[in-house]
Full PDB file with SEQRES, HELIX, SHEET, SSBOND, CRYST1, ORIGX, SCALE, CONECT and MASTER records, all heavy atoms in Angstrom:
SEQRES   1 A   40  ALA GLU LEU THR LEU GLY GLY PHE ARG HIS ASP VAL CYS          
SEQRES   2 A   40  ALA THR ALA HIS PRO LEU GLY ARG GLY SER PRO VAL PHE          
SEQRES   3 A   40  ARG ARG LEU PRO LEU ALA ARG TYR GLY LEU ARG TRP VAL          
SEQRES   4 A   40  HIS                                                          
HELIX    1 AA1 PRO A   18  GLY A   22  1                                   5    
HELIX    2 AA2 PRO A   24  ARG A   28  1                                   5    
HELIX    3 AA3 LEU A   31  TYR A   34  5                                   4    
CRYST1    1.000    1.000    1.000  90.00  90.00  90.00 P 1           1          
ORIGX1      1.000000  0.000000  0.000000        0.00000                         
ORIGX2      0.000000  1.000000  0.000000        0.00000                         
ORIGX3      0.000000  0.000000  1.000000        0.00000                         
SCALE1      1.000000  0.000000  0.000000        0.00000                         
SCALE2      0.000000  1.000000  0.000000        0.00000                         
SCALE3      0.000000  0.000000  1.000000        0.00000                         
ATOM      1  N   ALA A   1       0.840  -1.202   0.000  1.00  0.00           N  
ATOM      2  CA  ALA A   1       0.000   0.000   0.000  1.00  0.00           C  
ATOM      3  C   ALA A   1       0.875   1.253   0.000  1.00  0.00           C  
ATOM      4  O   ALA A   1       2.057   1.220   0.363  1.00  0.00           O  
ATOM      5  CB  ALA A   1      -0.914  -0.003   1.227  1.00  0.00           C  
ATOM      6  N   GLU A   2       0.283   2.372  -0.393  1.00  0.00           N  
ATOM      7  CA  GLU A   2       0.963   3.669  -0.347  1.00  0.00           C  
ATOM      8  C   GLU A   2       0.794   4.240   1.060  1.00  0.00           C  
ATOM      9  O   GLU A   2      -0.092   5.051   1.323  1.00  0.00           O  
ATOM     10  CB  GLU A   2       0.391   4.597  -1.415  1.00  0.00           C  
ATOM     11  CG  GLU A   2       0.667   4.121  -2.832  1.00  0.00           C  
ATOM     12  CD  GLU A   2       0.140   5.076  -3.909  1.00  0.00           C  
ATOM     13  OE1 GLU A   2      -0.706   5.934  -3.571  1.00  0.00           O  
ATOM     14  OE2 GLU A   2       0.564   4.955  -5.066  1.00  0.00           O  
ATOM     15  N   LEU A   3       1.660   3.827   1.961  1.00  0.00           N  
ATOM     16  CA  LEU A   3       1.523   4.177   3.367  1.00  0.00           C  
ATOM     17  C   LEU A   3       2.015   5.577   3.689  1.00  0.00           C  
ATOM     18  O   LEU A   3       1.628   6.155   4.711  1.00  0.00           O  
ATOM     19  CB  LEU A   3       2.292   3.175   4.229  1.00  0.00           C  
ATOM     20  CG  LEU A   3       1.845   1.709   4.156  1.00  0.00           C  
ATOM     21  CD1 LEU A   3       2.782   0.833   4.981  1.00  0.00           C  
ATOM     22  CD2 LEU A   3       0.410   1.563   4.642  1.00  0.00           C  
ATOM     23  N   THR A   4       2.900   6.131   2.856  1.00  0.00           N  
ATOM     24  CA  THR A   4       3.495   7.432   3.164  1.00  0.00           C  
ATOM     25  C   THR A   4       3.019   8.504   2.199  1.00  0.00           C  
ATOM     26  O   THR A   4       2.201   9.354   2.546  1.00  0.00           O  
ATOM     27  CB  THR A   4       5.029   7.333   3.129  1.00  0.00           C  
ATOM     28  OG1 THR A   4       5.444   6.793   1.849  1.00  0.00           O  
ATOM     29  CG2 THR A   4       5.547   6.427   4.245  1.00  0.00           C  
ATOM     30  N   LEU A   5       3.490   8.448   0.961  1.00  0.00           N  
ATOM     31  CA  LEU A   5       3.144   9.432  -0.069  1.00  0.00           C  
ATOM     32  C   LEU A   5       2.713   8.703  -1.342  1.00  0.00           C  
ATOM     33  O   LEU A   5       3.023   7.522  -1.528  1.00  0.00           O  
ATOM     34  CB  LEU A   5       4.355  10.324  -0.382  1.00  0.00           C  
ATOM     35  CG  LEU A   5       4.953  11.124   0.778  1.00  0.00           C  
ATOM     36  CD1 LEU A   5       6.250  11.798   0.334  1.00  0.00           C  
ATOM     37  CD2 LEU A   5       3.952  12.156   1.296  1.00  0.00           C  
ATOM     38  N   GLY A   6       1.994   9.393  -2.189  1.00  0.00           N  
ATOM     39  CA  GLY A   6       1.558   8.803  -3.438  1.00  0.00           C  
ATOM     40  C   GLY A   6       2.737   8.338  -4.288  1.00  0.00           C  
ATOM     41  O   GLY A   6       3.751   9.033  -4.409  1.00  0.00           O  
ATOM     42  N   GLY A   7       2.626   7.144  -4.838  1.00  0.00           N  
ATOM     43  CA  GLY A   7       3.664   6.591  -5.687  1.00  0.00           C  
ATOM     44  C   GLY A   7       4.709   5.780  -4.946  1.00  0.00           C  
ATOM     45  O   GLY A   7       5.545   5.117  -5.582  1.00  0.00           O  
ATOM     46  N   PHE A   8       4.706   5.827  -3.605  1.00  0.00           N  
ATOM     47  CA  PHE A   8       5.627   5.033  -2.804  1.00  0.00           C  
ATOM     48  C   PHE A   8       4.887   3.794  -2.309  1.00  0.00           C  
ATOM     49  O   PHE A   8       3.974   3.892  -1.494  1.00  0.00           O  
ATOM     50  CB  PHE A   8       6.149   5.838  -1.610  1.00  0.00           C  
ATOM     51  CG  PHE A   8       7.068   6.973  -1.986  1.00  0.00           C  
ATOM     52  CD1 PHE A   8       6.548   8.207  -2.364  1.00  0.00           C  
ATOM     53  CD2 PHE A   8       8.443   6.807  -1.957  1.00  0.00           C  
ATOM     54  CE1 PHE A   8       7.384   9.257  -2.702  1.00  0.00           C  
ATOM     55  CE2 PHE A   8       9.288   7.854  -2.296  1.00  0.00           C  
ATOM     56  CZ  PHE A   8       8.760   9.082  -2.675  1.00  0.00           C  
ATOM     57  N   ARG A   9       5.286   2.634  -2.829  1.00  0.00           N  
ATOM     58  CA  ARG A   9       4.597   1.393  -2.519  1.00  0.00           C  
ATOM     59  C   ARG A   9       5.363   0.632  -1.449  1.00  0.00           C  
ATOM     60  O   ARG A   9       6.499   0.202  -1.664  1.00  0.00           O  
ATOM     61  CB  ARG A   9       4.431   0.541  -3.781  1.00  0.00           C  
ATOM     62  CG  ARG A   9       3.496   1.193  -4.802  1.00  0.00           C  
ATOM     63  CD  ARG A   9       3.330   0.345  -6.055  1.00  0.00           C  
ATOM     64  NE  ARG A   9       2.851  -1.005  -5.764  1.00  0.00           N  
ATOM     65  CZ  ARG A   9       1.604  -1.311  -5.443  1.00  0.00           C  
ATOM     66  NH1 ARG A   9       0.694  -0.352  -5.363  1.00  0.00           N  
ATOM     67  NH2 ARG A   9       1.256  -2.567  -5.209  1.00  0.00           N  
ATOM     68  N   HIS A  10       4.718   0.468  -0.288  1.00  0.00           N  
ATOM     69  CA  HIS A  10       5.342  -0.174   0.863  1.00  0.00           C  
ATOM     70  C   HIS A  10       4.664  -1.512   1.159  1.00  0.00           C  
ATOM     71  O   HIS A  10       3.432  -1.615   1.082  1.00  0.00           O  
ATOM     72  CB  HIS A  10       5.211   0.714   2.103  1.00  0.00           C  
ATOM     73  CG  HIS A  10       5.736   2.106   1.922  1.00  0.00           C  
ATOM     74  ND1 HIS A  10       7.054   2.431   2.091  1.00  0.00           N  
ATOM     75  CD2 HIS A  10       5.100   3.275   1.580  1.00  0.00           C  
ATOM     76  CE1 HIS A  10       7.225   3.724   1.881  1.00  0.00           C  
ATOM     77  NE2 HIS A  10       6.060   4.255   1.566  1.00  0.00           N  
ATOM     78  N   ASP A  11       5.440  -2.509   1.525  1.00  0.00           N  
ATOM     79  CA  ASP A  11       4.870  -3.768   1.990  1.00  0.00           C  
ATOM     80  C   ASP A  11       4.411  -3.577   3.430  1.00  0.00           C  
ATOM     81  O   ASP A  11       5.205  -3.221   4.306  1.00  0.00           O  
ATOM     82  CB  ASP A  11       5.900  -4.892   1.891  1.00  0.00           C  
ATOM     83  CG  ASP A  11       6.179  -5.271   0.446  1.00  0.00           C  
ATOM     84  OD1 ASP A  11       5.244  -5.225  -0.367  1.00  0.00           O  
ATOM     85  OD2 ASP A  11       7.337  -5.606   0.139  1.00  0.00           O  
ATOM     86  N   VAL A  12       3.141  -3.813   3.671  1.00  0.00           N  
ATOM     87  CA  VAL A  12       2.559  -3.543   4.985  1.00  0.00           C  
ATOM     88  C   VAL A  12       3.188  -4.429   6.061  1.00  0.00           C  
ATOM     89  O   VAL A  12       3.438  -3.987   7.179  1.00  0.00           O  
ATOM     90  CB  VAL A  12       1.030  -3.733   4.944  1.00  0.00           C  
ATOM     91  CG1 VAL A  12       0.415  -3.525   6.320  1.00  0.00           C  
ATOM     92  CG2 VAL A  12       0.415  -2.760   3.936  1.00  0.00           C  
ATOM     93  N   CYS A  13       3.442  -5.673   5.724  1.00  0.00           N  
ATOM     94  CA  CYS A  13       4.076  -6.600   6.681  1.00  0.00           C  
ATOM     95  C   CYS A  13       5.317  -7.206   6.037  1.00  0.00           C  
ATOM     96  O   CYS A  13       6.340  -6.554   5.980  1.00  0.00           O  
ATOM     97  CB  CYS A  13       3.086  -7.667   7.122  1.00  0.00           C  
ATOM     98  SG  CYS A  13       1.675  -7.014   8.038  1.00  0.00           S  
ATOM     99  N   ALA A  14       5.220  -8.419   5.544  1.00  0.00           N  
ATOM    100  CA  ALA A  14       6.391  -9.121   5.012  1.00  0.00           C  
ATOM    101  C   ALA A  14       6.876  -8.487   3.715  1.00  0.00           C  
ATOM    102  O   ALA A  14       6.073  -8.029   2.894  1.00  0.00           O  
ATOM    103  CB  ALA A  14       6.046 -10.586   4.780  1.00  0.00           C  
ATOM    104  N   THR A  15       8.203  -8.502   3.518  1.00  0.00           N  
ATOM    105  CA  THR A  15       8.735  -7.919   2.283  1.00  0.00           C  
ATOM    106  C   THR A  15       9.774  -8.789   1.597  1.00  0.00           C  
ATOM    107  O   THR A  15       9.746  -8.945   0.391  1.00  0.00           O  
ATOM    108  CB  THR A  15       9.299  -6.509   2.538  1.00  0.00           C  
ATOM    109  OG1 THR A  15       9.508  -5.851   1.288  1.00  0.00           O  
ATOM    110  CG2 THR A  15      10.584  -6.521   3.341  1.00  0.00           C  
ATOM    111  N   ALA A  16      10.737  -9.382   2.328  1.00  0.00           N  
ATOM    112  CA  ALA A  16      11.712 -10.300   1.729  1.00  0.00           C  
ATOM    113  C   ALA A  16      11.254 -11.726   2.007  1.00  0.00           C  
ATOM    114  O   ALA A  16      10.787 -12.031   3.098  1.00  0.00           O  
ATOM    115  CB  ALA A  16      13.108 -10.060   2.301  1.00  0.00           C  
ATOM    116  N   HIS A  17      11.420 -12.617   1.007  1.00  0.00           N  
ATOM    117  CA  HIS A  17      10.760 -13.918   1.087  1.00  0.00           C  
ATOM    118  C   HIS A  17      11.679 -15.100   0.783  1.00  0.00           C  
ATOM    119  O   HIS A  17      11.509 -15.795  -0.221  1.00  0.00           O  
ATOM    120  CB  HIS A  17       9.575 -13.938   0.121  1.00  0.00           C  
ATOM    121  CG  HIS A  17       8.574 -12.871   0.357  1.00  0.00           C  
ATOM    122  ND1 HIS A  17       7.759 -12.839   1.464  1.00  0.00           N  
ATOM    123  CD2 HIS A  17       8.261 -11.767  -0.369  1.00  0.00           C  
ATOM    124  CE1 HIS A  17       6.969 -11.777   1.413  1.00  0.00           C  
ATOM    125  NE2 HIS A  17       7.266 -11.107   0.320  1.00  0.00           N  
ATOM    126  N   PRO A  18      12.646 -15.378   1.662  1.00  0.00           N  
ATOM    127  CA  PRO A  18      13.476 -16.579   1.425  1.00  0.00           C  
ATOM    128  C   PRO A  18      12.659 -17.863   1.450  1.00  0.00           C  
ATOM    129  O   PRO A  18      12.907 -18.779   0.662  1.00  0.00           O  
ATOM    130  CB  PRO A  18      14.492 -16.541   2.569  1.00  0.00           C  
ATOM    131  CG  PRO A  18      13.883 -15.659   3.611  1.00  0.00           C  
ATOM    132  CD  PRO A  18      13.065 -14.651   2.863  1.00  0.00           C  
ATOM    133  N   LEU A  19      11.667 -17.935   2.336  1.00  0.00           N  
ATOM    134  CA  LEU A  19      10.838 -19.140   2.413  1.00  0.00           C  
ATOM    135  C   LEU A  19       9.762 -19.141   1.328  1.00  0.00           C  
ATOM    136  O   LEU A  19       9.280 -20.199   0.930  1.00  0.00           O  
ATOM    137  CB  LEU A  19      10.192 -19.256   3.795  1.00  0.00           C  
ATOM    138  CG  LEU A  19      11.167 -19.342   4.976  1.00  0.00           C  
ATOM    139  CD1 LEU A  19      10.406 -19.503   6.290  1.00  0.00           C  
ATOM    140  CD2 LEU A  19      12.143 -20.497   4.789  1.00  0.00           C  
ATOM    141  N   GLY A  20       9.379 -17.968   0.852  1.00  0.00           N  
ATOM    142  CA  GLY A  20       8.401 -17.906  -0.229  1.00  0.00           C  
ATOM    143  C   GLY A  20       8.976 -18.411  -1.537  1.00  0.00           C  
ATOM    144  O   GLY A  20       8.362 -19.208  -2.246  1.00  0.00           O  
ATOM    145  N   ARG A  21      10.176 -17.957  -1.860  1.00  0.00           N  
ATOM    146  CA  ARG A  21      10.819 -18.418  -3.090  1.00  0.00           C  
ATOM    147  C   ARG A  21      11.106 -19.909  -3.022  1.00  0.00           C  
ATOM    148  O   ARG A  21      11.067 -20.608  -4.043  1.00  0.00           O  
ATOM    149  CB  ARG A  21      12.122 -17.637  -3.310  1.00  0.00           C  
ATOM    150  CG  ARG A  21      12.885 -18.036  -4.561  1.00  0.00           C  
ATOM    151  CD  ARG A  21      12.087 -17.692  -5.813  1.00  0.00           C  
ATOM    152  NE  ARG A  21      12.766 -18.155  -7.019  1.00  0.00           N  
ATOM    153  CZ  ARG A  21      12.627 -19.364  -7.539  1.00  0.00           C  
ATOM    154  NH1 ARG A  21      11.843 -20.268  -6.947  1.00  0.00           N  
ATOM    155  NH2 ARG A  21      13.270 -19.691  -8.638  1.00  0.00           N  
ATOM    156  N   GLY A  22      11.396 -20.422  -1.823  1.00  0.00           N  
ATOM    157  CA  GLY A  22      11.717 -21.834  -1.684  1.00  0.00           C  
ATOM    158  C   GLY A  22      10.554 -22.720  -1.318  1.00  0.00           C  
ATOM    159  O   GLY A  22      10.721 -23.928  -1.154  1.00  0.00           O  
ATOM    160  N   SER A  23       9.347 -22.158  -1.165  1.00  0.00           N  
ATOM    161  CA  SER A  23       8.189 -22.939  -0.743  1.00  0.00           C  
ATOM    162  C   SER A  23       7.887 -24.066  -1.725  1.00  0.00           C  
ATOM    163  O   SER A  23       7.710 -23.825  -2.921  1.00  0.00           O  
ATOM    164  CB  SER A  23       6.967 -22.026  -0.638  1.00  0.00           C  
ATOM    165  OG  SER A  23       5.771 -22.779  -0.555  1.00  0.00           O  
ATOM    166  N   PRO A  24       7.803 -25.311  -1.251  1.00  0.00           N  
ATOM    167  CA  PRO A  24       7.486 -26.422  -2.158  1.00  0.00           C  
ATOM    168  C   PRO A  24       6.165 -26.227  -2.891  1.00  0.00           C  
ATOM    169  O   PRO A  24       6.056 -26.586  -4.068  1.00  0.00           O  
ATOM    170  CB  PRO A  24       7.436 -27.632  -1.220  1.00  0.00           C  
ATOM    171  CG  PRO A  24       8.317 -27.264  -0.076  1.00  0.00           C  
ATOM    172  CD  PRO A  24       8.115 -25.790   0.110  1.00  0.00           C  
ATOM    173  N   VAL A  25       5.166 -25.657  -2.230  1.00  0.00           N  
ATOM    174  CA  VAL A  25       3.876 -25.503  -2.890  1.00  0.00           C  
ATOM    175  C   VAL A  25       3.895 -24.331  -3.865  1.00  0.00           C  
ATOM    176  O   VAL A  25       3.363 -24.434  -4.979  1.00  0.00           O  
ATOM    177  CB  VAL A  25       2.724 -25.363  -1.862  1.00  0.00           C  
ATOM    178  CG1 VAL A  25       2.843 -24.092  -1.038  1.00  0.00           C  
ATOM    179  CG2 VAL A  25       1.361 -25.405  -2.561  1.00  0.00           C  
ATOM    180  N   PHE A  26       4.540 -23.224  -3.520  1.00  0.00           N  
ATOM    181  CA  PHE A  26       4.611 -22.103  -4.459  1.00  0.00           C  
ATOM    182  C   PHE A  26       5.412 -22.478  -5.694  1.00  0.00           C  
ATOM    183  O   PHE A  26       5.104 -22.035  -6.804  1.00  0.00           O  
ATOM    184  CB  PHE A  26       5.247 -20.883  -3.798  1.00  0.00           C  
ATOM    185  CG  PHE A  26       4.389 -20.210  -2.748  1.00  0.00           C  
ATOM    186  CD1 PHE A  26       4.922 -19.193  -1.965  1.00  0.00           C  
ATOM    187  CD2 PHE A  26       3.074 -20.583  -2.549  1.00  0.00           C  
ATOM    188  CE1 PHE A  26       4.146 -18.562  -0.993  1.00  0.00           C  
ATOM    189  CE2 PHE A  26       2.285 -19.959  -1.575  1.00  0.00           C  
ATOM    190  CZ  PHE A  26       2.834 -18.951  -0.801  1.00  0.00           C  
ATOM    191  N   ARG A  27       6.462 -23.294  -5.516  1.00  0.00           N  
ATOM    192  CA  ARG A  27       7.306 -23.644  -6.658  1.00  0.00           C  
ATOM    193  C   ARG A  27       6.544 -24.453  -7.697  1.00  0.00           C  
ATOM    194  O   ARG A  27       6.860 -24.377  -8.890  1.00  0.00           O  
ATOM    195  CB  ARG A  27       8.533 -24.450  -6.186  1.00  0.00           C  
ATOM    196  CG  ARG A  27       9.511 -23.668  -5.356  1.00  0.00           C  
ATOM    197  CD  ARG A  27      10.920 -24.284  -5.394  1.00  0.00           C  
ATOM    198  NE  ARG A  27      10.950 -25.704  -5.144  1.00  0.00           N  
ATOM    199  CZ  ARG A  27      11.131 -26.265  -3.961  1.00  0.00           C  
ATOM    200  NH1 ARG A  27      11.241 -25.501  -2.882  1.00  0.00           N  
ATOM    201  NH2 ARG A  27      11.177 -27.576  -3.822  1.00  0.00           N  
ATOM    202  N   ARG A  28       5.559 -25.232  -7.262  1.00  0.00           N  
ATOM    203  CA  ARG A  28       4.860 -26.070  -8.244  1.00  0.00           C  
ATOM    204  C   ARG A  28       3.625 -25.389  -8.838  1.00  0.00           C  
ATOM    205  O   ARG A  28       3.050 -25.899  -9.803  1.00  0.00           O  
ATOM    206  CB  ARG A  28       4.472 -27.408  -7.613  1.00  0.00           C  
ATOM    207  CG  ARG A  28       3.338 -27.352  -6.622  1.00  0.00           C  
ATOM    208  CD  ARG A  28       2.824 -28.749  -6.296  1.00  0.00           C  
ATOM    209  NE  ARG A  28       1.743 -28.755  -5.339  1.00  0.00           N  
ATOM    210  CZ  ARG A  28       0.487 -28.443  -5.637  1.00  0.00           C  
ATOM    211  NH1 ARG A  28       0.165 -28.083  -6.868  1.00  0.00           N  
ATOM    212  NH2 ARG A  28      -0.449 -28.486  -4.701  1.00  0.00           N  
ATOM    213  N   LEU A  29       3.196 -24.264  -8.266  1.00  0.00           N  
ATOM    214  CA  LEU A  29       2.026 -23.572  -8.787  1.00  0.00           C  
ATOM    215  C   LEU A  29       2.415 -22.641  -9.933  1.00  0.00           C  
ATOM    216  O   LEU A  29       3.511 -22.084  -9.939  1.00  0.00           O  
ATOM    217  CB  LEU A  29       1.343 -22.764  -7.675  1.00  0.00           C  
ATOM    218  CG  LEU A  29       0.723 -23.564  -6.536  1.00  0.00           C  
ATOM    219  CD1 LEU A  29       0.168 -22.626  -5.460  1.00  0.00           C  
ATOM    220  CD2 LEU A  29      -0.381 -24.479  -7.053  1.00  0.00           C  
ATOM    221  N   PRO A  30       1.520 -22.429 -10.894  1.00  0.00           N  
ATOM    222  CA  PRO A  30       1.846 -21.585 -12.062  1.00  0.00           C  
ATOM    223  C   PRO A  30       1.689 -20.097 -11.752  1.00  0.00           C  
ATOM    224  O   PRO A  30       1.008 -19.361 -12.485  1.00  0.00           O  
ATOM    225  CB  PRO A  30       0.819 -22.061 -13.101  1.00  0.00           C  
ATOM    226  CG  PRO A  30      -0.384 -22.419 -12.284  1.00  0.00           C  
ATOM    227  CD  PRO A  30       0.168 -23.029 -11.010  1.00  0.00           C  
ATOM    228  N   LEU A  31       2.332 -19.622 -10.697  1.00  0.00           N  
ATOM    229  CA  LEU A  31       2.110 -18.247 -10.257  1.00  0.00           C  
ATOM    230  C   LEU A  31       2.740 -17.225 -11.201  1.00  0.00           C  
ATOM    231  O   LEU A  31       2.264 -16.090 -11.288  1.00  0.00           O  
ATOM    232  CB  LEU A  31       2.642 -18.071  -8.837  1.00  0.00           C  
ATOM    233  CG  LEU A  31       2.002 -18.981  -7.783  1.00  0.00           C  
ATOM    234  CD1 LEU A  31       2.570 -18.691  -6.406  1.00  0.00           C  
ATOM    235  CD2 LEU A  31       0.480 -18.834  -7.788  1.00  0.00           C  
ATOM    236  N   ALA A  32       3.798 -17.618 -11.932  1.00  0.00           N  
ATOM    237  CA  ALA A  32       4.393 -16.697 -12.909  1.00  0.00           C  
ATOM    238  C   ALA A  32       3.396 -16.335 -13.994  1.00  0.00           C  
ATOM    239  O   ALA A  32       3.435 -15.226 -14.550  1.00  0.00           O  
ATOM    240  CB  ALA A  32       5.649 -17.322 -13.515  1.00  0.00           C  
ATOM    241  N   ARG A  33       2.496 -17.249 -14.277  1.00  0.00           N  
ATOM    242  CA  ARG A  33       1.448 -16.991 -15.273  1.00  0.00           C  
ATOM    243  C   ARG A  33       0.571 -15.817 -14.866  1.00  0.00           C  
ATOM    244  O   ARG A  33      -0.019 -15.126 -15.713  1.00  0.00           O  
ATOM    245  CB  ARG A  33       0.596 -18.249 -15.454  1.00  0.00           C  
ATOM    246  CG  ARG A  33      -0.480 -18.153 -16.519  1.00  0.00           C  
ATOM    247  CD  ARG A  33      -1.393 -19.366 -16.456  1.00  0.00           C  
ATOM    248  NE  ARG A  33      -0.653 -20.625 -16.506  1.00  0.00           N  
ATOM    249  CZ  ARG A  33      -1.190 -21.801 -16.199  1.00  0.00           C  
ATOM    250  NH1 ARG A  33      -2.455 -21.882 -15.793  1.00  0.00           N  
ATOM    251  NH2 ARG A  33      -0.471 -22.897 -16.272  1.00  0.00           N  
ATOM    252  N   TYR A  34       0.495 -15.569 -13.575  1.00  0.00           N  
ATOM    253  CA  TYR A  34      -0.346 -14.497 -13.055  1.00  0.00           C  
ATOM    254  C   TYR A  34       0.468 -13.285 -12.607  1.00  0.00           C  
ATOM    255  O   TYR A  34      -0.003 -12.457 -11.825  1.00  0.00           O  
ATOM    256  CB  TYR A  34      -1.187 -15.019 -11.887  1.00  0.00           C  
ATOM    257  CG  TYR A  34      -2.094 -16.163 -12.297  1.00  0.00           C  
ATOM    258  CD1 TYR A  34      -1.706 -17.480 -12.086  1.00  0.00           C  
ATOM    259  CD2 TYR A  34      -3.304 -15.921 -12.940  1.00  0.00           C  
ATOM    260  CE1 TYR A  34      -2.520 -18.534 -12.471  1.00  0.00           C  
ATOM    261  CE2 TYR A  34      -4.126 -16.972 -13.338  1.00  0.00           C  
ATOM    262  CZ  TYR A  34      -3.721 -18.267 -13.110  1.00  0.00           C  
ATOM    263  OH  TYR A  34      -4.528 -19.324 -13.504  1.00  0.00           O  
ATOM    264  N   GLY A  35       1.690 -13.178 -13.115  1.00  0.00           N  
ATOM    265  CA  GLY A  35       2.467 -11.967 -12.901  1.00  0.00           C  
ATOM    266  C   GLY A  35       3.485 -12.006 -11.783  1.00  0.00           C  
ATOM    267  O   GLY A  35       4.152 -10.993 -11.526  1.00  0.00           O  
ATOM    268  N   LEU A  36       3.649 -13.153 -11.085  1.00  0.00           N  
ATOM    269  CA  LEU A  36       4.617 -13.199 -10.008  1.00  0.00           C  
ATOM    270  C   LEU A  36       6.041 -13.206 -10.573  1.00  0.00           C  
ATOM    271  O   LEU A  36       6.396 -14.058 -11.372  1.00  0.00           O  
ATOM    272  CB  LEU A  36       4.414 -14.451  -9.143  1.00  0.00           C  
ATOM    273  CG  LEU A  36       5.428 -14.640  -8.009  1.00  0.00           C  
ATOM    274  CD1 LEU A  36       5.330 -13.517  -6.996  1.00  0.00           C  
ATOM    275  CD2 LEU A  36       5.251 -15.997  -7.338  1.00  0.00           C  
ATOM    276  N   ARG A  37       6.848 -12.222 -10.135  1.00  0.00           N  
ATOM    277  CA  ARG A  37       8.243 -12.126 -10.523  1.00  0.00           C  
ATOM    278  C   ARG A  37       9.086 -11.889  -9.277  1.00  0.00           C  
ATOM    279  O   ARG A  37       8.733 -11.070  -8.435  1.00  0.00           O  
ATOM    280  CB  ARG A  37       8.477 -10.961 -11.509  1.00  0.00           C  
ATOM    281  CG  ARG A  37       7.679 -11.064 -12.807  1.00  0.00           C  
ATOM    282  CD  ARG A  37       8.204 -12.175 -13.713  1.00  0.00           C  
ATOM    283  NE  ARG A  37       7.474 -12.211 -14.984  1.00  0.00           N  
ATOM    284  CZ  ARG A  37       6.357 -12.896 -15.192  1.00  0.00           C  
ATOM    285  NH1 ARG A  37       5.827 -13.615 -14.198  1.00  0.00           N  
ATOM    286  NH2 ARG A  37       5.754 -12.868 -16.366  1.00  0.00           N  
ATOM    287  N   TRP A  38      10.191 -12.607  -9.170  1.00  0.00           N  
ATOM    288  CA  TRP A  38      11.075 -12.470  -8.022  1.00  0.00           C  
ATOM    289  C   TRP A  38      12.234 -11.542  -8.372  1.00  0.00           C  
ATOM    290  O   TRP A  38      12.806 -11.627  -9.463  1.00  0.00           O  
ATOM    291  CB  TRP A  38      11.621 -13.823  -7.593  1.00  0.00           C  
ATOM    292  CG  TRP A  38      10.566 -14.776  -7.096  1.00  0.00           C  
ATOM    293  CD1 TRP A  38      10.021 -15.824  -7.780  1.00  0.00           C  
ATOM    294  CD2 TRP A  38       9.930 -14.755  -5.819  1.00  0.00           C  
ATOM    295  NE1 TRP A  38       9.083 -16.470  -7.006  1.00  0.00           N  
ATOM    296  CE2 TRP A  38       9.011 -15.833  -5.791  1.00  0.00           C  
ATOM    297  CE3 TRP A  38      10.050 -13.938  -4.699  1.00  0.00           C  
ATOM    298  CZ2 TRP A  38       8.218 -16.106  -4.685  1.00  0.00           C  
ATOM    299  CZ3 TRP A  38       9.257 -14.212  -3.587  1.00  0.00           C  
ATOM    300  CH2 TRP A  38       8.352 -15.284  -3.585  1.00  0.00           C  
ATOM    301  N   VAL A  39      12.592 -10.669  -7.437  1.00  0.00           N  
ATOM    302  CA  VAL A  39      13.683  -9.722  -7.604  1.00  0.00           C  
ATOM    303  C   VAL A  39      14.800 -10.101  -6.635  1.00  0.00           C  
ATOM    304  O   VAL A  39      14.587 -10.114  -5.415  1.00  0.00           O  
ATOM    305  CB  VAL A  39      13.213  -8.277  -7.333  1.00  0.00           C  
ATOM    306  CG1 VAL A  39      14.374  -7.306  -7.429  1.00  0.00           C  
ATOM    307  CG2 VAL A  39      12.089  -7.884  -8.285  1.00  0.00           C  
ATOM    308  N   HIS A  40      15.995 -10.392  -7.174  1.00  0.00           N  
ATOM    309  CA  HIS A  40      17.115 -10.855  -6.348  1.00  0.00           C  
ATOM    310  C   HIS A  40      18.201  -9.778  -6.272  1.00  0.00           C  
ATOM    311  O   HIS A  40      18.890  -9.519  -7.267  1.00  0.00           O  
ATOM    312  CB  HIS A  40      17.711 -12.134  -6.932  1.00  0.00           C  
ATOM    313  CG  HIS A  40      16.827 -13.330  -6.800  1.00  0.00           C  
ATOM    314  ND1 HIS A  40      16.854 -14.163  -5.702  1.00  0.00           N  
ATOM    315  CD2 HIS A  40      15.870 -13.827  -7.629  1.00  0.00           C  
ATOM    316  CE1 HIS A  40      15.968 -15.138  -5.865  1.00  0.00           C  
ATOM    317  NE2 HIS A  40      15.350 -14.954  -7.017  1.00  0.00           N  
TER     318      HIS A  40                                                      
MASTER        0    0    0    3    0    0    0    6  317    1    0    4          
END                                                                             
């Protein structure tokens, strides 16, 4: 959400995802088809 000023997008809670990228269930789901991109 834009918690501070317009155009600044902040993660309300979690932001870095070592377990998300490595999640066995996320890895097998076609989430890239729906726009999921990881930034390293």
